[in-house]
Amino acid sequence: MTTKSIVHKEIIVRGRVQGVGYRANAKHMADLLGVQGQIKNMPDKAVWILAEAEETVMEEFLTWCRKGPAMAKVTEMEIIVGPVLQVVGFTILHSAD
């Protein structure tokens, strides 16, 4: 049996992703899958996600992120790989604009 390694990704999602329940639905999906991380709206109307999970779980989460909830329309997604921070839980951060 192989050891499952955790991966860390920062994800920037662009398109119609604010005001459509993207963050709440992403948190629900992350909680279901066991993804740890954070999510917040950005001033430029994008959504920023920090996510940590086992690779196959991360791929399932990224597949969801590319589509989002029913009212969303994702037009672009940027993924940045980084060092694992061992984040616990999945939190919706509220940006101070």
Protein backbone atom coordinates (compact mmCIF):
# COMPACT_ATOMS: atom_id res chain seq x y z
CA MET A 1 0.00 0.00 0.00
CA THR A 2 1.37 3.42 -0.93
CA THR A 3 1.47 6.40 1.37
CA LYS A 4 -0.86 9.17 0.24
CA SER A 5 0.87 12.52 0.17
CA ILE A 6 -0.79 15.87 0.76
CA VAL A 7 -0.46 18.59 -1.87
CA HIS A 8 -0.90 22.35 -1.48
CA LYS A 9 -2.44 24.53 -4.17
CA GLU A 10 -3.44 28.15 -4.39
CA ILE A 11 -6.27 28.54 -6.87
CA ILE A 12 -7.50 31.78 -8.43
CA VAL A 13 -10.89 31.41 -10.07
CA ARG A 14 -12.15 34.09 -12.46
CA GLY A 15 -15.46 34.65 -14.20
CA ARG A 16 -18.89 35.06 -12.62
CA VAL A 17 -17.79 33.69 -9.24
CA GLN A 18 -18.88 36.38 -6.77
CA GLY A 19 -22.49 36.81 -5.70
CA VAL A 20 -23.42 33.30 -6.85
CA GLY A 21 -22.67 31.26 -3.71
CA TYR A 22 -19.27 30.11 -4.93
CA ARG A 23 -17.51 30.35 -1.54
CA ALA A 24 -20.26 28.62 0.46
CA ASN A 25 -20.59 25.83 -2.11
CA ALA A 26 -16.80 25.41 -2.31
CA LYS A 27 -16.68 25.08 1.49
CA HIS A 28 -19.46 22.48 1.39
CA MET A 29 -17.58 20.50 -1.29
CA ALA A 30 -14.28 20.84 0.59
CA ASP A 31 -15.91 19.59 3.79
CA LEU A 32 -17.44 16.61 1.95
CA LEU A 33 -14.12 15.69 0.32
CA GLY A 34 -11.88 16.42 3.32
CA VAL A 35 -10.03 19.33 1.72
CA GLN A 36 -8.39 21.72 4.18
CA GLY A 37 -7.93 25.39 3.37
CA GLN A 38 -9.35 28.87 3.01
CA ILE A 39 -11.37 30.82 0.46
CA LYS A 40 -12.09 34.51 -0.06
CA ASN A 41 -13.38 37.01 -2.59
CA MET A 42 -10.75 39.24 -4.16
CA PRO A 43 -11.19 42.96 -4.98
CA ASP A 44 -10.82 42.16 -8.72
CA LYS A 45 -13.97 39.93 -8.57
CA ALA A 46 -11.92 36.70 -8.56
CA VAL A 47 -12.08 34.07 -5.82
CA TRP A 48 -8.85 32.93 -4.10
CA ILE A 49 -8.62 29.43 -2.62
CA LEU A 50 -5.87 27.82 -0.59
CA ALA A 51 -6.41 24.06 -0.59
CA GLU A 52 -4.57 21.07 0.86
CA ALA A 53 -5.56 17.47 0.29
CA GLU A 54 -4.36 14.10 -0.97
CA GLU A 55 -3.69 14.28 -4.73
CA THR A 56 -6.76 12.34 -5.93
CA VAL A 57 -9.03 14.32 -3.60
CA MET A 58 -7.43 17.56 -4.82
CA GLU A 59 -8.16 16.59 -8.44
CA GLU A 60 -11.83 16.03 -7.56
CA PHE A 61 -11.96 19.41 -5.79
CA LEU A 62 -10.27 21.16 -8.76
CA THR A 63 -12.81 19.57 -11.11
CA TRP A 64 -15.58 21.08 -8.97
CA CYS A 65 -13.79 24.47 -8.86
CA ARG A 66 -13.65 24.59 -12.68
CA LYS A 67 -17.45 24.38 -12.77
CA GLY A 68 -18.60 25.90 -9.46
CA PRO A 69 -22.24 26.17 -8.36
CA ALA A 70 -25.15 26.42 -10.82
CA MET A 71 -25.14 30.23 -11.18
CA ALA A 72 -21.35 30.53 -11.58
CA LYS A 73 -19.52 30.79 -14.89
CA VAL A 74 -15.83 30.04 -14.50
CA THR A 75 -13.80 31.49 -17.37
CA GLU A 76 -10.26 31.03 -16.02
CA MET A 77 -8.51 29.15 -13.26
CA GLU A 78 -4.90 29.65 -12.18
CA ILE A 79 -3.27 26.99 -10.00
CA ILE A 80 -0.05 27.59 -8.05
CA VAL A 81 1.67 24.69 -6.27
CA GLY A 82 3.28 25.51 -2.93
CA PRO A 83 4.63 23.96 0.25
CA VAL A 84 2.15 22.17 2.53
CA LEU A 85 1.16 24.36 5.50
CA GLN A 86 -0.93 21.71 7.32
CA VAL A 87 -4.04 23.89 7.41
CA VAL A 88 -6.85 22.51 9.57
CA GLY A 89 -10.48 22.96 8.50
CA PHE A 90 -11.83 24.94 5.56
CA THR A 91 -12.60 28.58 6.35
CA ILE A 92 -14.41 31.30 4.43
CA LEU A 93 -12.39 34.48 4.93
CA HIS A 94 -14.13 37.82 4.65
CA SER A 95 -12.10 40.40 2.78
CA ALA A 96 -11.89 43.92 4.19
CA ASP A 97 -12.61 46.21 1.24
